[in-house]
Amino acid sequence: MIKKQKFPYLIGSKWTAIQKTWGWQHFQVVNRQNQGQWVFAEMVASCDRNVRFWLNANQLKDRSLWQPGWQSLAEMKEIEEDEF
C-alpha cells in the first residue's frame, strides 16, 4: 500500500503571514523537505527573493499565523475583525 504524502500541494502554494515576517507578509513555498514525521517548507518572500526561511509545514494550518493565498490589506483587516 502506498503511503499518502503529507501536504501534497505544498510547493508553489502562496501564503499570507498574519504579522510581518522578515519584513514581508506574502510568501510562496519553493521547496519542501521531509524529515521523519515532519514536513518543512521553504518560504520565499514574493517581493524579495533573497528573503527565505524554512518552517514546519504544520504551522501553515494555524490560521492565527498564516492565511492561504495572497490576501490584500482589506482582506486581512476583515480577518482580524472576524476574530474579535
Protein backbone atom coordinates (compact mmCIF):
# COMPACT_ATOMS: atom_id res chain seq x y z
CA MET A 1 0.00 0.00 0.00
CA ILE A 2 1.33 3.43 -0.97
CA LYS A 3 1.71 5.85 1.92
CA LYS A 4 -0.20 9.09 1.42
CA GLN A 5 2.09 12.11 1.19
CA LYS A 6 1.53 14.88 3.75
CA PHE A 7 0.99 18.30 2.17
CA PRO A 8 0.95 17.05 -1.46
CA TYR A 9 0.34 20.52 -2.95
CA LEU A 10 2.84 22.41 -0.82
CA ILE A 11 5.34 23.50 -3.49
CA GLY A 12 4.08 26.55 -5.36
CA SER A 13 1.43 27.38 -2.76
CA LYS A 14 1.06 31.02 -1.72
CA TRP A 15 0.60 32.25 1.84
CA THR A 16 -0.01 35.47 3.74
CA ALA A 17 1.56 35.88 7.17
CA ILE A 18 -0.83 37.47 9.69
CA GLN A 19 2.09 39.51 11.06
CA LYS A 20 5.05 40.70 9.02
CA THR A 21 7.76 38.06 8.85
CA TRP A 22 11.24 39.24 7.95
CA GLY A 23 9.57 42.48 6.86
CA TRP A 24 7.05 40.89 4.48
CA GLN A 25 3.63 39.25 4.53
CA HIS A 26 3.33 37.45 1.17
CA PHE A 27 5.28 34.23 0.63
CA GLN A 28 5.44 31.28 -1.71
CA VAL A 29 6.66 27.75 -0.95
CA VAL A 30 9.57 26.90 -3.24
CA ASN A 31 10.86 23.70 -1.66
CA ARG A 32 9.87 21.01 0.80
CA GLN A 33 11.84 18.60 2.92
CA ASN A 34 10.65 15.52 4.74
CA GLN A 35 12.44 14.66 7.98
CA GLY A 36 10.89 11.65 9.64
CA GLN A 37 7.34 12.54 10.60
CA TRP A 38 7.91 16.25 9.93
CA VAL A 39 7.48 18.19 6.70
CA PHE A 40 9.29 21.51 6.29
CA ALA A 41 8.51 24.23 3.75
CA GLU A 42 11.00 26.72 2.36
CA MET A 43 9.25 30.07 2.19
CA VAL A 44 10.34 32.92 -0.10
CA ALA A 45 9.00 36.48 0.12
CA SER A 46 7.14 37.39 -3.05
CA CYS A 47 8.66 40.90 -3.19
CA ASP A 48 12.23 39.99 -2.18
CA ARG A 49 13.54 36.63 -3.40
CA ASN A 50 16.53 36.97 -1.03
CA VAL A 51 14.23 36.63 1.99
CA ARG A 52 13.81 32.90 2.58
CA PHE A 53 13.41 30.63 5.56
CA TRP A 54 12.25 27.12 6.50
CA LEU A 55 9.28 26.39 8.74
CA ASN A 56 7.37 23.35 9.90
CA ALA A 57 4.54 22.96 7.38
CA ASN A 58 2.09 22.24 10.21
CA GLN A 59 2.33 25.92 11.14
CA LEU A 60 0.61 26.77 7.85
CA LYS A 61 -2.56 25.15 9.24
CA ASP A 62 -2.68 27.70 12.08
CA ARG A 63 -4.97 30.50 10.80
CA SER A 64 -3.76 32.81 13.58
CA LEU A 65 -0.32 32.73 11.88
CA TRP A 66 -0.94 32.11 8.15
CA GLN A 67 -3.75 32.52 5.62
CA PRO A 68 -3.78 30.57 2.34
CA GLY A 69 -3.26 32.65 -0.79
CA TRP A 70 -2.11 36.22 -1.00
CA GLN A 71 -4.55 38.36 0.97
CA SER A 72 -4.93 42.11 0.44
CA LEU A 73 -4.71 44.53 3.37
CA ALA A 74 -8.51 44.93 3.27
CA GLU A 75 -8.98 41.15 3.44
CA MET A 76 -6.52 40.95 6.32
CA LYS A 77 -8.48 43.64 8.19
CA GLU A 78 -11.70 41.62 7.71
CA ILE A 79 -9.99 38.52 9.11
CA GLU A 80 -8.86 40.49 12.19
CA GLU A 81 -12.37 41.88 12.74
CA ASP A 82 -13.94 38.41 12.43
CA GLU A 83 -11.64 37.07 15.16
CA PHE A 84 -12.86 39.66 17.71
